[in-house]
Amino acid sequence: MKRTIRGAVAELPEPDQTVLRLRDIEQLSAAEAAERTGLTVAAVKAHLHRSRARRRERLNSYFLGEE
């Protein structure tokens, strides 16, 4: 399962992958992630939303047997 989750994250484009790791794994605030990446807070939020949706779609297809 860990391999599947890591694979789903690895498939994300940059900076979506980085933002997801900073916010969900390192648990940084949006402002802290923005500072680290050089993005605006609004851009961090947009990338996070997009990356979570893509990861959810990928994992749903895996766990629901649609692959």
N, C-alpha and C. Protein backbone atom coordinates (compact mmCIF):
# COMPACT_ATOMS: atom_id res chain seq x y z
N MET A 1 0.83 -1.18 0.00
CA MET A 1 0.00 0.00 0.00
C MET A 1 0.88 1.25 0.00
N LYS A 2 1.97 1.23 0.79
CA LYS A 2 2.87 2.39 0.82
C LYS A 2 3.43 2.67 -0.56
N ARG A 3 3.77 1.62 -1.28
CA ARG A 3 4.31 1.79 -2.63
C ARG A 3 3.28 2.43 -3.55
N THR A 4 2.04 2.04 -3.42
CA THR A 4 0.97 2.60 -4.24
C THR A 4 0.77 4.08 -3.93
N ILE A 5 0.78 4.42 -2.67
CA ILE A 5 0.61 5.83 -2.27
C ILE A 5 1.80 6.65 -2.73
N ARG A 6 3.00 6.13 -2.52
CA ARG A 6 4.19 6.85 -2.98
C ARG A 6 4.17 7.03 -4.49
N GLY A 7 3.72 6.00 -5.20
CA GLY A 7 3.63 6.09 -6.65
C GLY A 7 2.64 7.15 -7.09
N ALA A 8 1.52 7.23 -6.39
CA ALA A 8 0.50 8.24 -6.72
C ALA A 8 1.05 9.64 -6.50
N VAL A 9 1.83 9.82 -5.46
CA VAL A 9 2.44 11.13 -5.20
C VAL A 9 3.52 11.41 -6.23
N ALA A 10 4.32 10.41 -6.56
CA ALA A 10 5.41 10.59 -7.52
C ALA A 10 4.91 10.94 -8.91
N GLU A 11 3.69 10.56 -9.24
CA GLU A 11 3.11 10.85 -10.55
C GLU A 11 2.67 12.31 -10.68
N LEU A 12 2.56 13.00 -9.58
CA LEU A 12 2.12 14.40 -9.62
C LEU A 12 3.20 15.27 -10.25
N PRO A 13 2.79 16.27 -11.01
CA PRO A 13 3.78 17.20 -11.56
C PRO A 13 4.28 18.15 -10.48
N GLU A 14 5.42 18.74 -10.73
CA GLU A 14 5.93 19.78 -9.84
C GLU A 14 5.23 21.08 -10.20
N PRO A 15 4.94 21.97 -9.31
CA PRO A 15 5.22 21.93 -7.88
C PRO A 15 4.13 21.27 -7.04
N ASP A 16 3.15 20.63 -7.69
CA ASP A 16 2.08 19.97 -6.93
C ASP A 16 2.65 18.97 -5.93
N GLN A 17 3.61 18.18 -6.38
CA GLN A 17 4.22 17.17 -5.53
C GLN A 17 4.90 17.79 -4.31
N THR A 18 5.65 18.83 -4.53
CA THR A 18 6.34 19.50 -3.43
C THR A 18 5.36 20.13 -2.45
N VAL A 19 4.36 20.80 -2.96
CA VAL A 19 3.37 21.44 -2.09
C VAL A 19 2.65 20.39 -1.27
N LEU A 20 2.27 19.29 -1.87
CA LEU A 20 1.59 18.21 -1.15
C LEU A 20 2.48 17.68 -0.02
N ARG A 21 3.74 17.45 -0.32
CA ARG A 21 4.66 16.95 0.72
C ARG A 21 4.82 17.96 1.85
N LEU A 22 4.99 19.23 1.51
CA LEU A 22 5.17 20.25 2.55
C LEU A 22 3.94 20.40 3.42
N ARG A 23 2.76 20.38 2.82
CA ARG A 23 1.52 20.61 3.58
C ARG A 23 1.05 19.35 4.30
N ASP A 24 1.02 18.21 3.62
CA ASP A 24 0.42 17.01 4.21
C ASP A 24 1.40 16.12 4.96
N ILE A 25 2.65 16.13 4.58
CA ILE A 25 3.62 15.27 5.25
C ILE A 25 4.39 16.06 6.30
N GLU A 26 4.94 17.21 5.90
CA GLU A 26 5.69 18.02 6.85
C GLU A 26 4.79 18.92 7.69
N GLN A 27 3.52 19.02 7.30
CA GLN A 27 2.50 19.77 8.01
C GLN A 27 2.86 21.25 8.21
N LEU A 28 3.41 21.84 7.15
CA LEU A 28 3.68 23.27 7.18
C LEU A 28 2.40 24.03 6.88
N SER A 29 2.33 25.24 7.33
CA SER A 29 1.19 26.09 6.99
C SER A 29 1.31 26.50 5.52
N ALA A 30 0.23 27.05 4.98
CA ALA A 30 0.27 27.52 3.59
C ALA A 30 1.32 28.62 3.45
N ALA A 31 1.42 29.50 4.43
CA ALA A 31 2.40 30.58 4.39
C ALA A 31 3.83 30.03 4.41
N GLU A 32 4.07 29.02 5.25
CA GLU A 32 5.41 28.42 5.31
C GLU A 32 5.76 27.70 4.01
N ALA A 33 4.79 26.99 3.43
CA ALA A 33 5.02 26.32 2.16
C ALA A 33 5.27 27.33 1.06
N ALA A 34 4.56 28.44 1.09
CA ALA A 34 4.76 29.49 0.10
C ALA A 34 6.17 30.07 0.21
N GLU A 35 6.61 30.28 1.41
CA GLU A 35 7.95 30.82 1.63
C GLU A 35 9.03 29.86 1.11
N ARG A 36 8.83 28.57 1.37
CA ARG A 36 9.82 27.58 0.92
C ARG A 36 9.86 27.42 -0.59
N THR A 37 8.70 27.53 -1.23
CA THR A 37 8.62 27.27 -2.67
C THR A 37 8.73 28.53 -3.52
N GLY A 38 8.53 29.68 -2.91
CA GLY A 38 8.54 30.92 -3.67
C GLY A 38 7.22 31.21 -4.36
N LEU A 39 6.20 30.43 -4.04
CA LEU A 39 4.86 30.64 -4.58
C LEU A 39 4.07 31.56 -3.65
N THR A 40 2.97 32.08 -4.14
CA THR A 40 2.07 32.83 -3.27
C THR A 40 1.25 31.84 -2.44
N VAL A 41 0.66 32.33 -1.38
CA VAL A 41 -0.21 31.48 -0.56
C VAL A 41 -1.37 30.96 -1.40
N ALA A 42 -1.94 31.80 -2.24
CA ALA A 42 -3.04 31.38 -3.11
C ALA A 42 -2.59 30.27 -4.06
N ALA A 43 -1.40 30.39 -4.59
CA ALA A 43 -0.88 29.36 -5.50
C ALA A 43 -0.64 28.05 -4.76
N VAL A 44 -0.14 28.13 -3.54
CA VAL A 44 0.06 26.92 -2.73
C VAL A 44 -1.27 26.22 -2.51
N LYS A 45 -2.29 26.98 -2.17
CA LYS A 45 -3.61 26.39 -1.94
C LYS A 45 -4.16 25.75 -3.20
N ALA A 46 -3.96 26.39 -4.35
CA ALA A 46 -4.44 25.84 -5.62
C ALA A 46 -3.69 24.54 -5.96
N HIS A 47 -2.37 24.55 -5.79
CA HIS A 47 -1.59 23.35 -6.07
C HIS A 47 -1.97 22.22 -5.12
N LEU A 48 -2.21 22.54 -3.87
CA LEU A 48 -2.59 21.52 -2.90
C LEU A 48 -3.94 20.91 -3.26
N HIS A 49 -4.90 21.74 -3.60
CA HIS A 49 -6.22 21.25 -3.99
C HIS A 49 -6.11 20.33 -5.20
N ARG A 50 -5.37 20.77 -6.20
CA ARG A 50 -5.20 19.99 -7.43
C ARG A 50 -4.47 18.66 -7.15
N SER A 51 -3.43 18.70 -6.34
CA SER A 51 -2.67 17.49 -6.08
C SER A 51 -3.47 16.49 -5.25
N ARG A 52 -4.24 16.96 -4.30
CA ARG A 52 -5.09 16.05 -3.52
C ARG A 52 -6.14 15.39 -4.40
N ALA A 53 -6.73 16.16 -5.30
CA ALA A 53 -7.74 15.61 -6.20
C ALA A 53 -7.14 14.55 -7.12
N ARG A 54 -5.97 14.83 -7.67
CA ARG A 54 -5.32 13.86 -8.56
C ARG A 54 -4.92 12.60 -7.81
N ARG A 55 -4.39 12.78 -6.62
CA ARG A 55 -3.99 11.62 -5.81
C ARG A 55 -5.21 10.79 -5.44
N ARG A 56 -6.28 11.45 -5.06
CA ARG A 56 -7.52 10.75 -4.70
C ARG A 56 -8.06 9.96 -5.89
N GLU A 57 -8.04 10.58 -7.07
CA GLU A 57 -8.51 9.90 -8.28
C GLU A 57 -7.68 8.66 -8.57
N ARG A 58 -6.37 8.80 -8.47
CA ARG A 58 -5.47 7.68 -8.74
C ARG A 58 -5.67 6.55 -7.74
N LEU A 59 -5.76 6.90 -6.45
CA LEU A 59 -5.93 5.87 -5.43
C LEU A 59 -7.32 5.24 -5.49
N ASN A 60 -8.34 6.01 -5.80
CA ASN A 60 -9.67 5.43 -5.94
C ASN A 60 -9.69 4.40 -7.05
N SER A 61 -9.07 4.70 -8.17
CA SER A 61 -9.06 3.74 -9.28
C SER A 61 -8.30 2.48 -8.88
N TYR A 62 -7.25 2.63 -8.10
CA TYR A 62 -6.48 1.46 -7.65
C TYR A 62 -7.30 0.62 -6.67
N PHE A 63 -7.85 1.25 -5.64
CA PHE A 63 -8.55 0.49 -4.61
C PHE A 63 -9.93 0.00 -5.06
N LEU A 64 -10.50 0.64 -6.04
CA LEU A 64 -11.80 0.17 -6.55
C LEU A 64 -11.64 -0.79 -7.71
N GLY A 65 -10.39 -1.12 -8.05
CA GLY A 65 -10.11 -2.10 -9.08
C GLY A 65 -10.38 -1.63 -10.49
N GLU A 66 -10.25 -0.34 -10.75
CA GLU A 66 -10.52 0.19 -12.07
C GLU A 66 -9.26 0.30 -12.91
N GLU A 67 -8.14 -0.19 -12.43
CA GLU A 67 -6.89 -0.15 -13.21
C GLU A 67 -6.73 -1.41 -13.99
